């Protein structure tokens, strides 16, 4: 996946609700259209992040998961 990332956020090891809270804080400090890449290990983040972008003007450009983590590329709205 070749997406230019403006901010990288590694939230490995954090449990709900911290991944979502730290993601919201990061997005608040970014400019519109910038891309935030988030790495999380909390399985609950998959549901939380998708619900969050559905209720905001942000967009998940790409989502990927493997055996160790969940990866999100979020464009700030």
PDB file of N, CA and C in Angstrom:
ATOM      1  N   UNK A   1       0.856  -1.176   0.000  1.00  0.00           N
ATOM      2  CA  UNK A   1       0.000   0.000   0.000  1.00  0.00           C
ATOM      3  C   UNK A   1       0.898   1.234   0.000  1.00  0.00           C
ATOM      4  N   UNK A   2       0.730   2.082  -0.987  1.00  0.00           N
ATOM      5  CA  UNK A   2       1.595   3.247  -1.141  1.00  0.00           C
ATOM      6  C   UNK A   2       0.796   4.524  -0.862  1.00  0.00           C
ATOM      7  N   UNK A   3       0.635   4.829   0.423  1.00  0.00           N
ATOM      8  CA  UNK A   3      -0.069   6.040   0.845  1.00  0.00           C
ATOM      9  C   UNK A   3       0.933   6.906   1.588  1.00  0.00           C
ATOM     10  N   UNK A   4       1.048   8.160   1.174  1.00  0.00           N
ATOM     11  CA  UNK A   4       1.948   9.080   1.871  1.00  0.00           C
ATOM     12  C   UNK A   4       1.368   9.428   3.235  1.00  0.00           C
ATOM     13  N   UNK A   5       2.121   9.124   4.276  1.00  0.00           N
ATOM     14  CA  UNK A   5       1.668   9.314   5.649  1.00  0.00           C
ATOM     15  C   UNK A   5       2.285  10.584   6.216  1.00  0.00           C
ATOM     16  N   UNK A   6       1.456  11.417   6.839  1.00  0.00           N
ATOM     17  CA  UNK A   6       1.936  12.647   7.472  1.00  0.00           C
ATOM     18  C   UNK A   6       2.323  12.426   8.929  1.00  0.00           C
ATOM     19  N   UNK A   7       1.548  11.577   9.617  1.00  0.00           N
ATOM     20  CA  UNK A   7       1.800  11.305  11.032  1.00  0.00           C
ATOM     21  C   UNK A   7       1.650   9.809  11.265  1.00  0.00           C
ATOM     22  N   UNK A   8       2.586   9.231  12.022  1.00  0.00           N
ATOM     23  CA  UNK A   8       2.552   7.813  12.364  1.00  0.00           C
ATOM     24  C   UNK A   8       2.312   7.687  13.863  1.00  0.00           C
ATOM     25  N   UNK A   9       1.398   6.807  14.247  1.00  0.00           N
ATOM     26  CA  UNK A   9       1.044   6.627  15.649  1.00  0.00           C
ATOM     27  C   UNK A   9       1.064   5.133  15.969  1.00  0.00           C
ATOM     28  N   UNK A  10       1.997   4.707  16.822  1.00  0.00           N
ATOM     29  CA  UNK A  10       2.096   3.306  17.224  1.00  0.00           C
ATOM     30  C   UNK A  10       1.455   3.154  18.596  1.00  0.00           C
ATOM     31  N   UNK A  11       0.318   2.497  18.628  1.00  0.00           N
ATOM     32  CA  UNK A  11      -0.428   2.320  19.868  1.00  0.00           C
ATOM     33  C   UNK A  11      -0.393   0.869  20.333  1.00  0.00           C
ATOM     34  N   UNK A  12       0.631   0.154  19.937  1.00  0.00           N
ATOM     35  CA  UNK A  12       0.782  -1.247  20.315  1.00  0.00           C
ATOM     36  C   UNK A  12       0.797  -1.393  21.835  1.00  0.00           C
ATOM     37  N   UNK A  13       0.052  -2.356  22.313  1.00  0.00           N
ATOM     38  CA  UNK A  13       0.024  -2.642  23.734  1.00  0.00           C
ATOM     39  C   UNK A  13      -1.037  -1.899  24.512  1.00  0.00           C
ATOM     40  N   UNK A  14      -1.643  -0.880  23.918  1.00  0.00           N
ATOM     41  CA  UNK A  14      -2.684  -0.115  24.615  1.00  0.00           C
ATOM     42  C   UNK A  14      -4.042  -0.792  24.430  1.00  0.00           C
ATOM     43  N   UNK A  15      -4.850  -0.747  25.481  1.00  0.00           N
ATOM     44  CA  UNK A  15      -6.180  -1.341  25.448  1.00  0.00           C
ATOM     45  C   UNK A  15      -7.241  -0.245  25.406  1.00  0.00           C
ATOM     46  N   UNK A  16      -8.430  -0.628  24.969  1.00  0.00           N
ATOM     47  CA  UNK A  16      -9.580   0.254  24.890  1.00  0.00           C
ATOM     48  C   UNK A  16      -9.774   0.963  26.229  1.00  0.00           C
ATOM     49  N   UNK A  17      -9.991   2.254  26.218  1.00  0.00           N
ATOM     50  CA  UNK A  17     -10.298   3.144  25.093  1.00  0.00           C
ATOM     51  C   UNK A  17      -9.099   3.941  24.589  1.00  0.00           C
ATOM     52  N   UNK A  18      -7.893   3.641  25.073  1.00  0.00           N
ATOM     53  CA  UNK A  18      -6.726   4.467  24.761  1.00  0.00           C
ATOM     54  C   UNK A  18      -6.401   4.583  23.269  1.00  0.00           C
ATOM     55  N   UNK A  19      -6.462   3.504  22.465  1.00  0.00           N
ATOM     56  CA  UNK A  19      -6.138   3.682  21.039  1.00  0.00           C
ATOM     57  C   UNK A  19      -7.019   4.736  20.356  1.00  0.00           C
ATOM     58  N   UNK A  20      -8.307   4.685  20.623  1.00  0.00           N
ATOM     59  CA  UNK A  20      -9.213   5.655  19.995  1.00  0.00           C
ATOM     60  C   UNK A  20      -8.980   7.060  20.533  1.00  0.00           C
ATOM     61  N   UNK A  21      -8.783   7.193  21.835  1.00  0.00           N
ATOM     62  CA  UNK A  21      -8.551   8.524  22.413  1.00  0.00           C
ATOM     63  C   UNK A  21      -7.273   9.148  21.868  1.00  0.00           C
ATOM     64  N   UNK A  22      -6.200   8.384  21.782  1.00  0.00           N
ATOM     65  CA  UNK A  22      -4.936   8.921  21.270  1.00  0.00           C
ATOM     66  C   UNK A  22      -5.033   9.236  19.778  1.00  0.00           C
ATOM     67  N   UNK A  23      -5.823   8.461  19.053  1.00  0.00           N
ATOM     68  CA  UNK A  23      -6.047   8.740  17.630  1.00  0.00           C
ATOM     69  C   UNK A  23      -6.807  10.050  17.462  1.00  0.00           C
ATOM     70  N   UNK A  24      -7.836  10.262  18.272  1.00  0.00           N
ATOM     71  CA  UNK A  24      -8.607  11.514  18.201  1.00  0.00           C
ATOM     72  C   UNK A  24      -7.716  12.715  18.505  1.00  0.00           C
ATOM     73  N   UNK A  25      -6.864  12.588  19.522  1.00  0.00           N
ATOM     74  CA  UNK A  25      -5.946  13.680  19.861  1.00  0.00           C
ATOM     75  C   UNK A  25      -4.986  13.972  18.710  1.00  0.00           C
ATOM     76  N   UNK A  26      -4.468  12.938  18.091  1.00  0.00           N
ATOM     77  CA  UNK A  26      -3.548  13.129  16.964  1.00  0.00           C
ATOM     78  C   UNK A  26      -4.260  13.830  15.808  1.00  0.00           C
ATOM     79  N   UNK A  27      -5.476  13.390  15.490  1.00  0.00           N
ATOM     80  CA  UNK A  27      -6.227  14.010  14.395  1.00  0.00           C
ATOM     81  C   UNK A  27      -6.535  15.478  14.692  1.00  0.00           C
ATOM     82  N   UNK A  28      -6.791  15.797  15.942  1.00  0.00           N
ATOM     83  CA  UNK A  28      -7.070  17.191  16.319  1.00  0.00           C
ATOM     84  C   UNK A  28      -5.887  18.109  16.032  1.00  0.00           C
ATOM     85  N   UNK A  29      -4.681  17.565  16.045  1.00  0.00           N
ATOM     86  CA  UNK A  29      -3.470  18.361  15.821  1.00  0.00           C
ATOM     87  C   UNK A  29      -2.995  18.338  14.366  1.00  0.00           C
ATOM     88  N   UNK A  30      -3.803  17.756  13.489  1.00  0.00           N
ATOM     89  CA  UNK A  30      -3.426  17.649  12.078  1.00  0.00           C
ATOM     90  C   UNK A  30      -4.255  18.607  11.228  1.00  0.00           C
ATOM     91  N   UNK A  31      -3.771  18.841  10.014  1.00  0.00           N
ATOM     92  CA  UNK A  31      -4.498  19.665   9.054  1.00  0.00           C
ATOM     93  C   UNK A  31      -5.450  18.796   8.240  1.00  0.00           C
ATOM     94  N   UNK A  32      -6.555  19.379   7.743  1.00  0.00           N
ATOM     95  CA  UNK A  32      -7.464  18.619   6.889  1.00  0.00           C
ATOM     96  C   UNK A  32      -6.720  17.982   5.710  1.00  0.00           C
ATOM     97  N   UNK A  33      -7.127  16.789   5.376  1.00  0.00           N
ATOM     98  CA  UNK A  33      -6.605  15.984   4.270  1.00  0.00           C
ATOM     99  C   UNK A  33      -5.276  15.288   4.595  1.00  0.00           C
ATOM    100  N   UNK A  34      -4.678  15.574   5.741  1.00  0.00           N
ATOM    101  CA  UNK A  34      -3.458  14.863   6.111  1.00  0.00           C
ATOM    102  C   UNK A  34      -3.807  13.423   6.468  1.00  0.00           C
ATOM    103  N   UNK A  35      -2.801  12.555   6.374  1.00  0.00           N
ATOM    104  CA  UNK A  35      -2.995  11.125   6.593  1.00  0.00           C
ATOM    105  C   UNK A  35      -2.307  10.704   7.884  1.00  0.00           C
ATOM    106  N   UNK A  36      -3.060   9.995   8.725  1.00  0.00           N
ATOM    107  CA  UNK A  36      -2.552   9.425   9.960  1.00  0.00           C
ATOM    108  C   UNK A  36      -2.515   7.916   9.803  1.00  0.00           C
ATOM    109  N   UNK A  37      -1.356   7.311  10.048  1.00  0.00           N
ATOM    110  CA  UNK A  37      -1.262   5.850  10.062  1.00  0.00           C
ATOM    111  C   UNK A  37      -1.199   5.411  11.517  1.00  0.00           C
ATOM    112  N   UNK A  38      -2.095   4.498  11.878  1.00  0.00           N
ATOM    113  CA  UNK A  38      -2.174   4.001  13.242  1.00  0.00           C
ATOM    114  C   UNK A  38      -1.895   2.503  13.245  1.00  0.00           C
ATOM    115  N   UNK A  39      -1.066   2.074  14.191  1.00  0.00           N
ATOM    116  CA  UNK A  39      -0.833   0.659  14.447  1.00  0.00           C
ATOM    117  C   UNK A  39      -1.384   0.374  15.838  1.00  0.00           C
ATOM    118  N   UNK A  40      -2.280  -0.603  15.939  1.00  0.00           N
ATOM    119  CA  UNK A  40      -2.881  -0.954  17.224  1.00  0.00           C
ATOM    120  C   UNK A  40      -2.895  -2.472  17.375  1.00  0.00           C
ATOM    121  N   UNK A  41      -2.834  -2.926  18.609  1.00  0.00           N
ATOM    122  CA  UNK A  41      -2.900  -4.364  18.874  1.00  0.00           C
ATOM    123  C   UNK A  41      -4.203  -4.762  19.561  1.00  0.00           C
ATOM    124  N   UNK A  42      -4.994  -3.790  19.969  1.00  0.00           N
ATOM    125  CA  UNK A  42      -6.267  -4.061  20.640  1.00  0.00           C
ATOM    126  C   UNK A  42      -7.307  -4.504  19.611  1.00  0.00           C
ATOM    127  N   UNK A  43      -7.837  -5.737  19.735  1.00  0.00           N
ATOM    128  CA  UNK A  43      -8.840  -6.206  18.769  1.00  0.00           C
ATOM    129  C   UNK A  43     -10.081  -5.311  18.715  1.00  0.00           C
ATOM    130  N   UNK A  44     -10.409  -4.645  19.824  1.00  0.00           N
ATOM    131  CA  UNK A  44     -11.566  -3.758  19.849  1.00  0.00           C
ATOM    132  C   UNK A  44     -11.401  -2.529  18.983  1.00  0.00           C
ATOM    133  N   UNK A  45     -10.157  -2.235  18.603  1.00  0.00           N
ATOM    134  CA  UNK A  45      -9.928  -1.040  17.784  1.00  0.00           C
ATOM    135  C   UNK A  45     -10.601  -1.144  16.421  1.00  0.00           C
ATOM    136  N   UNK A  46     -10.729  -2.355  15.897  1.00  0.00           N
ATOM    137  CA  UNK A  46     -11.340  -2.511  14.570  1.00  0.00           C
ATOM    138  C   UNK A  46     -12.763  -1.967  14.573  1.00  0.00           C
ATOM    139  N   UNK A  47     -13.555  -2.368  15.537  1.00  0.00           N
ATOM    140  CA  UNK A  47     -14.932  -1.876  15.635  1.00  0.00           C
ATOM    141  C   UNK A  47     -14.945  -0.393  15.995  1.00  0.00           C
ATOM    142  N   UNK A  48     -14.126  -0.006  16.988  1.00  0.00           N
ATOM    143  CA  UNK A  48     -14.118   1.385  17.463  1.00  0.00           C
ATOM    144  C   UNK A  48     -13.751   2.370  16.362  1.00  0.00           C
ATOM    145  N   UNK A  49     -12.710   2.079  15.600  1.00  0.00           N
ATOM    146  CA  UNK A  49     -12.233   3.008  14.579  1.00  0.00           C
ATOM    147  C   UNK A  49     -13.248   3.147  13.453  1.00  0.00           C
ATOM    148  N   UNK A  50     -13.859   2.035  13.034  1.00  0.00           N
ATOM    149  CA  UNK A  50     -14.838   2.132  11.961  1.00  0.00           C
ATOM    150  C   UNK A  50     -16.082   2.907  12.410  1.00  0.00           C
ATOM    151  N   UNK A  51     -16.528   2.683  13.646  1.00  0.00           N
ATOM    152  CA  UNK A  51     -17.664   3.468  14.163  1.00  0.00           C
ATOM    153  C   UNK A  51     -17.303   4.950  14.254  1.00  0.00           C
ATOM    154  N   UNK A  52     -16.102   5.230  14.722  1.00  0.00           N
ATOM    155  CA  UNK A  52     -15.653   6.620  14.872  1.00  0.00           C
ATOM    156  C   UNK A  52     -15.677   7.368  13.535  1.00  0.00           C
ATOM    157  N   UNK A  53     -15.101   6.787  12.488  1.00  0.00           N
ATOM    158  CA  UNK A  53     -15.071   7.519  11.209  1.00  0.00           C
ATOM    159  C   UNK A  53     -16.466   7.641  10.605  1.00  0.00           C
ATOM    160  N   UNK A  54     -17.341   6.680  10.893  1.00  0.00           N
ATOM    161  CA  UNK A  54     -18.719   6.795  10.397  1.00  0.00           C
ATOM    162  C   UNK A  54     -19.468   7.943  11.060  1.00  0.00           C
ATOM    163  N   UNK A  55     -19.032   8.340  12.253  1.00  0.00           N
ATOM    164  CA  UNK A  55     -19.690   9.410  12.985  1.00  0.00           C
ATOM    165  C   UNK A  55     -18.923  10.730  12.891  1.00  0.00           C
ATOM    166  N   UNK A  56     -17.893  10.764  12.072  1.00  0.00           N
ATOM    167  CA  UNK A  56     -17.088  11.977  11.926  1.00  0.00           C
ATOM    168  C   UNK A  56     -16.908  12.272  10.443  1.00  0.00           C
ATOM    169  N   UNK A  57     -16.109  13.287  10.148  1.00  0.00           N
ATOM    170  CA  UNK A  57     -15.847  13.587   8.740  1.00  0.00           C
ATOM    171  C   UNK A  57     -14.489  13.035   8.304  1.00  0.00           C
ATOM    172  N   UNK A  58     -13.911  12.143   9.099  1.00  0.00           N
ATOM    173  CA  UNK A  58     -12.656  11.491   8.732  1.00  0.00           C
ATOM    174  C   UNK A  58     -12.966  10.248   7.889  1.00  0.00           C
ATOM    175  N   UNK A  59     -11.939   9.704   7.255  1.00  0.00           N
ATOM    176  CA  UNK A  59     -12.142   8.559   6.371  1.00  0.00           C
ATOM    177  C   UNK A  59     -10.995   7.564   6.538  1.00  0.00           C
ATOM    178  N   UNK A  60     -11.338   6.283   6.647  1.00  0.00           N
ATOM    179  CA  UNK A  60     -10.310   5.243   6.622  1.00  0.00           C
ATOM    180  C   UNK A  60     -10.023   4.942   5.158  1.00  0.00           C
ATOM    181  N   UNK A  61      -8.822   5.299   4.719  1.00  0.00           N
ATOM    182  CA  UNK A  61      -8.436   5.069   3.328  1.00  0.00           C
ATOM    183  C   UNK A  61      -8.071   3.615   3.093  1.00  0.00           C
ATOM    184  N   UNK A  62      -7.484   2.994   4.120  1.00  0.00           N
ATOM    185  CA  UNK A  62      -7.079   1.596   3.997  1.00  0.00           C
ATOM    186  C   UNK A  62      -7.030   0.986   5.386  1.00  0.00           C
ATOM    187  N   UNK A  63      -7.420  -0.267   5.485  1.00  0.00           N
ATOM    188  CA  UNK A  63      -7.371  -1.012   6.737  1.00  0.00           C
ATOM    189  C   UNK A  63      -6.728  -2.357   6.453  1.00  0.00           C
ATOM    190  N   UNK A  64      -5.874  -2.781   7.357  1.00  0.00           N
ATOM    191  CA  UNK A  64      -5.176  -4.058   7.173  1.00  0.00           C
ATOM    192  C   UNK A  64      -4.946  -4.670   8.543  1.00  0.00           C
ATOM    193  N   UNK A  65      -5.061  -5.984   8.635  1.00  0.00           N
ATOM    194  CA  UNK A  65      -4.700  -6.640   9.893  1.00  0.00           C
ATOM    195  C   UNK A  65      -3.904  -7.886   9.579  1.00  0.00           C
ATOM    196  N   UNK A  66      -3.027  -8.205  10.514  1.00  0.00           N
ATOM    197  CA  UNK A  66      -2.280  -9.447  10.404  1.00  0.00           C
ATOM    198  C   UNK A  66      -2.298 -10.111  11.774  1.00  0.00           C
ATOM    199  N   UNK A  67      -1.450 -11.068  11.993  1.00  0.00           N
ATOM    200  CA  UNK A  67      -1.492 -11.834  13.243  1.00  0.00           C
ATOM    201  C   UNK A  67      -1.054 -11.020  14.454  1.00  0.00           C
ATOM    202  N   UNK A  68      -0.360  -9.903  14.226  1.00  0.00           N
ATOM    203  CA  UNK A  68       0.155  -9.158  15.374  1.00  0.00           C
ATOM    204  C   UNK A  68      -0.478  -7.792  15.584  1.00  0.00           C
ATOM    205  N   UNK A  69      -1.104  -7.209  14.551  1.00  0.00           N
ATOM    206  CA  UNK A  69      -1.591  -5.838  14.709  1.00  0.00           C
ATOM    207  C   UNK A  69      -2.664  -5.478  13.681  1.00  0.00           C
ATOM    208  N   UNK A  70      -3.288  -4.329  13.951  1.00  0.00           N
ATOM    209  CA  UNK A  70      -4.277  -3.710  13.066  1.00  0.00           C
ATOM    210  C   UNK A  70      -3.668  -2.404  12.566  1.00  0.00           C
ATOM    211  N   UNK A  71      -3.826  -2.132  11.281  1.00  0.00           N
ATOM    212  CA  UNK A  71      -3.225  -0.954  10.661  1.00  0.00           C
ATOM    213  C   UNK A  71      -4.329  -0.124  10.006  1.00  0.00           C
ATOM    214  N   UNK A  72      -4.307   1.169  10.286  1.00  0.00           N
ATOM    215  CA  UNK A  72      -5.317   2.089   9.753  1.00  0.00           C
ATOM    216  C   UNK A  72      -4.618   3.271   9.096  1.00  0.00           C
ATOM    217  N   UNK A  73      -5.073   3.642   7.919  1.00  0.00           N
ATOM    218  CA  UNK A  73      -4.641   4.865   7.259  1.00  0.00           C
ATOM    219  C   UNK A  73      -5.873   5.769   7.248  1.00  0.00           C
ATOM    220  N   UNK A  74      -5.846   6.804   8.074  1.00  0.00           N
ATOM    221  CA  UNK A  74      -7.014   7.667   8.264  1.00  0.00           C
ATOM    222  C   UNK A  74      -6.721   9.058   7.710  1.00  0.00           C
ATOM    223  N   UNK A  75      -7.624   9.517   6.843  1.00  0.00           N
ATOM    224  CA  UNK A  75      -7.484  10.876   6.312  1.00  0.00           C
ATOM    225  C   UNK A  75      -8.365  11.799   7.146  1.00  0.00           C
ATOM    226  N   UNK A  76      -7.746  12.858   7.631  1.00  0.00           N
ATOM    227  CA  UNK A  76      -8.510  13.835   8.413  1.00  0.00           C
ATOM    228  C   UNK A  76      -9.474  14.591   7.506  1.00  0.00           C
ATOM    229  N   UNK A  77     -10.705  14.717   7.967  1.00  0.00           N
ATOM    230  CA  UNK A  77     -11.723  15.420   7.198  1.00  0.00           C
ATOM    231  C   UNK A  77     -11.660  16.916   7.401  1.00  0.00           C
TER     232      UNK A  77
END
